[in-house]
Protein backbone atom coordinates (compact mmCIF):
# COMPACT_ATOMS: atom_id res chain seq x y z
CA MET A 1 76.15 139.75 222.07
CA SER A 2 77.03 136.73 220.00
CA ASP A 3 77.99 135.95 216.44
CA LYS A 4 75.81 133.14 215.09
CA ARG A 5 78.41 132.37 212.43
CA GLU A 6 80.98 131.52 215.09
CA LEU A 7 78.41 129.70 217.22
CA ILE A 8 77.44 127.50 214.26
CA LEU A 9 81.04 126.80 213.19
CA SER A 10 82.18 126.05 216.72
CA ARG A 11 79.27 123.67 217.34
CA LEU A 12 79.76 122.06 213.92
CA HIS A 13 83.41 121.39 214.79
CA ASP A 14 82.35 119.82 218.10
CA VAL A 15 79.84 117.59 216.28
CA LEU A 16 82.39 116.51 213.67
CA LYS A 17 84.94 115.64 216.37
CA THR A 18 82.59 112.91 217.61
CA ILE A 19 82.74 111.09 214.27
CA VAL A 20 86.46 110.37 213.94
CA PRO A 21 89.09 109.28 216.48
CA GLU A 22 90.39 111.98 218.81
CA GLY A 23 92.86 114.29 217.12
CA ARG A 24 91.60 113.55 213.59
CA CYS A 25 89.26 116.55 213.13
CA PHE A 26 90.71 119.96 212.32
CA ARG A 27 89.27 123.42 211.76
CA ASN A 28 90.90 125.82 209.29
CA GLN A 29 94.19 123.95 209.37
CA VAL A 30 96.14 123.44 206.17
CA ASP A 31 98.89 121.41 207.81
CA PHE A 32 97.76 118.39 209.78
CA PRO A 33 99.32 115.01 210.56
CA GLU A 34 98.81 112.21 208.08
CA GLY A 35 96.34 109.57 209.02
CA SER A 36 92.96 108.26 208.18
CA PRO A 37 90.14 109.00 208.64
CA THR A 38 90.45 112.77 208.81
CA ILE A 39 87.85 115.54 208.79
CA LEU A 40 88.86 119.08 207.89
CA LEU A 41 86.33 121.85 208.51
CA LEU A 42 86.90 125.08 206.59
CA ASP A 43 84.79 128.06 207.69
CA ALA A 44 84.35 129.04 204.01
CA ASP A 45 81.64 131.33 202.72
CA GLU A 46 78.57 133.18 203.84
CA SER A 47 76.34 135.24 201.61
CA PRO A 48 73.15 137.25 202.03
CA ASP A 49 69.98 135.92 200.49
CA SER A 50 68.79 139.07 198.76
CA ASN A 51 65.71 137.28 197.38
CA ARG A 52 64.40 136.63 200.87
CA ALA A 53 65.45 139.85 202.52
CA PRO A 54 65.88 142.67 199.99
CA THR A 55 68.57 145.17 200.90
CA SER A 56 66.83 148.09 199.17
CA GLY A 57 65.49 150.47 201.79
CA ARG A 58 66.93 148.46 204.69
CA PRO A 59 69.16 150.41 207.07
CA PRO A 60 72.77 149.16 207.32
CA THR A 61 72.11 147.86 210.82
CA GLY A 62 68.92 146.06 209.82
CA ALA A 63 68.72 142.28 209.96
CA CYS A 64 69.31 140.24 206.84
CA VAL A 65 69.11 136.55 206.02
CA VAL A 66 72.43 134.85 205.26
CA ALA A 67 73.47 131.35 204.28
CA LEU A 68 76.66 129.95 205.78
CA THR A 69 78.21 127.22 203.62
CA PRO A 70 81.25 125.73 205.34
CA GLU A 71 83.32 123.04 203.63
CA ILE A 72 83.63 119.67 205.35
CA HIS A 73 86.46 117.71 203.75
CA ILE A 74 86.83 114.03 204.56
CA LEU A 75 89.92 111.98 203.78
CA VAL A 76 90.43 108.24 203.93
CA ASP A 77 93.06 105.85 202.65
CA GLY A 78 93.42 102.12 202.37
CA LYS A 79 92.99 99.30 199.93
CA PRO A 80 91.13 100.32 196.76
CA LYS A 81 88.16 98.08 197.57
CA ASP A 82 87.80 99.69 201.02
CA VAL A 83 88.17 103.39 200.23
CA GLY A 84 84.74 103.97 198.65
CA PRO A 85 82.81 102.26 201.45
CA ARG A 86 84.86 104.10 204.12
CA LEU A 87 84.21 107.43 202.42
CA ASN A 88 80.50 106.68 202.17
CA ALA A 89 80.34 105.65 205.83
CA LEU A 90 81.91 108.95 206.94
CA ARG A 91 79.54 110.87 204.67
CA ARG A 92 76.57 109.04 206.22
CA ASP A 93 77.79 109.65 209.78
CA ILE A 94 78.36 113.36 209.10
CA ILE A 95 74.93 113.87 207.54
CA LYS A 96 73.21 112.10 210.41
CA ALA A 97 75.17 113.92 213.12
CA VAL A 98 74.72 117.39 211.62
CA LEU A 99 71.07 117.15 210.65
CA THR A 100 70.02 115.63 213.99
CA ASP A 101 71.97 118.03 216.20
CA ASN A 102 69.45 120.18 218.08
CA SER A 103 71.93 122.97 218.84
CA LEU A 104 72.80 123.46 215.17
CA ALA A 105 69.12 123.48 214.26
CA GLU A 106 68.36 126.09 216.92
CA PHE A 107 70.98 128.48 215.51
CA CYS A 108 69.23 128.40 212.11
CA MET A 109 65.93 129.81 210.98
CA SER A 110 63.16 127.22 211.17
CA GLY A 111 63.85 124.41 208.71
CA GLU A 112 66.88 126.15 207.24
CA LEU A 113 69.61 123.62 207.96
CA ARG A 114 70.00 121.76 204.69
CA TYR A 115 72.18 119.02 203.26
CA GLU A 116 73.42 120.35 199.91
CA GLY A 117 75.33 117.36 198.56
CA PHE A 118 78.58 115.46 198.36
CA ALA A 119 81.47 115.63 195.89
CA SER A 120 84.11 112.92 195.87
CA GLY A 121 87.55 112.48 194.39
CA PHE A 122 90.06 109.69 194.32
CA ALA A 123 93.82 109.59 193.87
CA ALA A 124 96.05 106.59 193.27
CA GLY A 125 99.55 106.39 194.66
CA ARG A 126 101.27 103.87 196.89
CA SER A 127 97.95 103.55 198.63
CA PHE A 128 94.55 104.51 197.33
CA GLU A 129 93.21 107.75 198.73
CA GLY A 130 89.68 109.02 198.75
CA GLN A 131 88.43 112.44 199.62
CA GLY A 132 85.12 114.17 199.57
CA VAL A 133 83.38 117.37 200.50
CA VAL A 134 80.08 117.26 202.35
CA SER A 135 78.04 120.44 201.91
CA PHE A 136 75.42 122.02 204.13
CA SER A 137 73.71 125.41 204.28
CA PHE A 138 73.05 127.02 207.62
CA VAL A 139 70.55 129.85 207.08
CA TYR A 140 70.10 132.39 209.83
CA ALA A 141 69.17 136.00 210.50
CA LEU A 142 72.19 138.26 210.85
CA HIS A 143 71.52 141.18 213.18
CA PRO A 144 74.49 143.59 212.89
CA ALA A 145 73.42 145.51 215.99
CA ARG A 146 73.65 142.30 218.05
CA LEU A 147 77.21 141.39 217.07
């Protein structure tokens, strides 16, 4: 028995760890050492897709289609002219690594690993800081009886 949610999140964390220096990728940690670049993976939300797999008439133990939407936060700092390009480079590396990872794709229903977008934010202080959230959807069949 295995939980695809945990399999996806664990593999995603392993993939993200290859993008930044060792010790700069964290999962579900609110306190982490300062430094740049940093990736923070939050398990976040999962919801059933009732349009694709109606729940009416389905037994409680019947399979349903769910979309897992973890949050991948990226943080960089540096000179103002460097922060945007550094943020964009991490975004690019994350998209490429996630969408080309065969294990992540195998956990999802065929063609249901999707890049959903990027939101960025900047803050000025002693140094310029940039942060962003890279979004993906991992769609898979949840089989309660197999958990």
